[in-house]
């Protein structure tokens, strides 16, 4: 099994990611997930800093 994930353009505090699962080179799952950045010190959600992204 192989998994590939790609960041997409941020949506406010959300960072969408495309996630694909392959079995024997064939795409078997194509999904989109939403991630958020959580600050462990403040225990709050924060925006992803622009230098983290390659857009």
Protein backbone atom coordinates (compact mmCIF):
# COMPACT_ATOMS: atom_id res chain seq x y z
CA UNK A 1 0.00 0.00 0.00
CA UNK A 2 1.28 3.46 -0.88
CA UNK A 3 -0.16 6.74 0.44
CA UNK A 4 0.38 10.16 -1.16
CA UNK A 5 -0.75 13.48 0.29
CA UNK A 6 -0.63 16.98 -1.19
CA UNK A 7 -1.42 20.35 0.43
CA UNK A 8 -4.04 22.51 -1.26
CA UNK A 9 -4.71 26.25 -0.99
CA UNK A 10 -5.53 27.21 2.64
CA UNK A 11 -9.13 28.08 3.55
CA UNK A 12 -8.75 30.51 6.46
CA UNK A 13 -7.49 28.44 9.39
CA UNK A 14 -8.11 25.17 7.52
CA UNK A 15 -5.44 23.45 5.44
CA UNK A 16 -7.06 21.07 2.95
CA UNK A 17 -4.98 18.09 1.85
CA UNK A 18 -5.60 15.65 -0.95
CA UNK A 19 -4.89 12.08 0.19
CA UNK A 20 -4.57 9.11 -2.19
CA UNK A 21 -4.15 5.41 -1.39
CA UNK A 22 -2.65 3.05 -3.95
CA UNK A 23 -2.55 -0.75 -4.00
CA UNK A 24 -0.24 -2.38 -6.54
CA UNK A 25 0.05 0.97 -8.33
CA UNK A 26 -3.75 1.36 -8.69
CA UNK A 27 -5.57 4.26 -7.03
CA UNK A 28 -8.13 2.75 -4.62
CA UNK A 29 -9.00 5.76 -2.40
CA UNK A 30 -9.06 9.42 -3.40
CA UNK A 31 -10.00 11.74 -0.54
CA UNK A 32 -9.71 15.26 0.80
CA UNK A 33 -9.04 16.01 4.47
CA UNK A 34 -9.07 19.27 6.43
CA UNK A 35 -6.21 19.91 8.85
CA UNK A 36 -5.80 22.73 11.37
CA UNK A 37 -2.68 23.87 13.18
CA UNK A 38 -2.95 23.57 16.95
CA UNK A 39 -0.59 25.56 19.19
CA UNK A 40 0.45 23.26 22.04
CA UNK A 41 1.49 26.14 24.28
CA UNK A 42 -1.66 28.27 24.02
CA UNK A 43 -4.04 25.36 23.33
CA UNK A 44 -5.59 27.36 20.51
CA UNK A 45 -5.97 26.87 16.78
CA UNK A 46 -3.88 29.26 14.69
CA UNK A 47 -3.38 30.10 11.03
CA UNK A 48 -0.72 28.24 9.11
CA UNK A 49 2.17 30.60 8.44
CA UNK A 50 2.72 31.44 4.77
CA UNK A 51 6.36 30.27 4.75
CA UNK A 52 5.13 26.73 5.48
CA UNK A 53 3.29 26.67 2.16
CA UNK A 54 4.79 26.51 -1.34
CA UNK A 55 2.10 28.30 -3.34
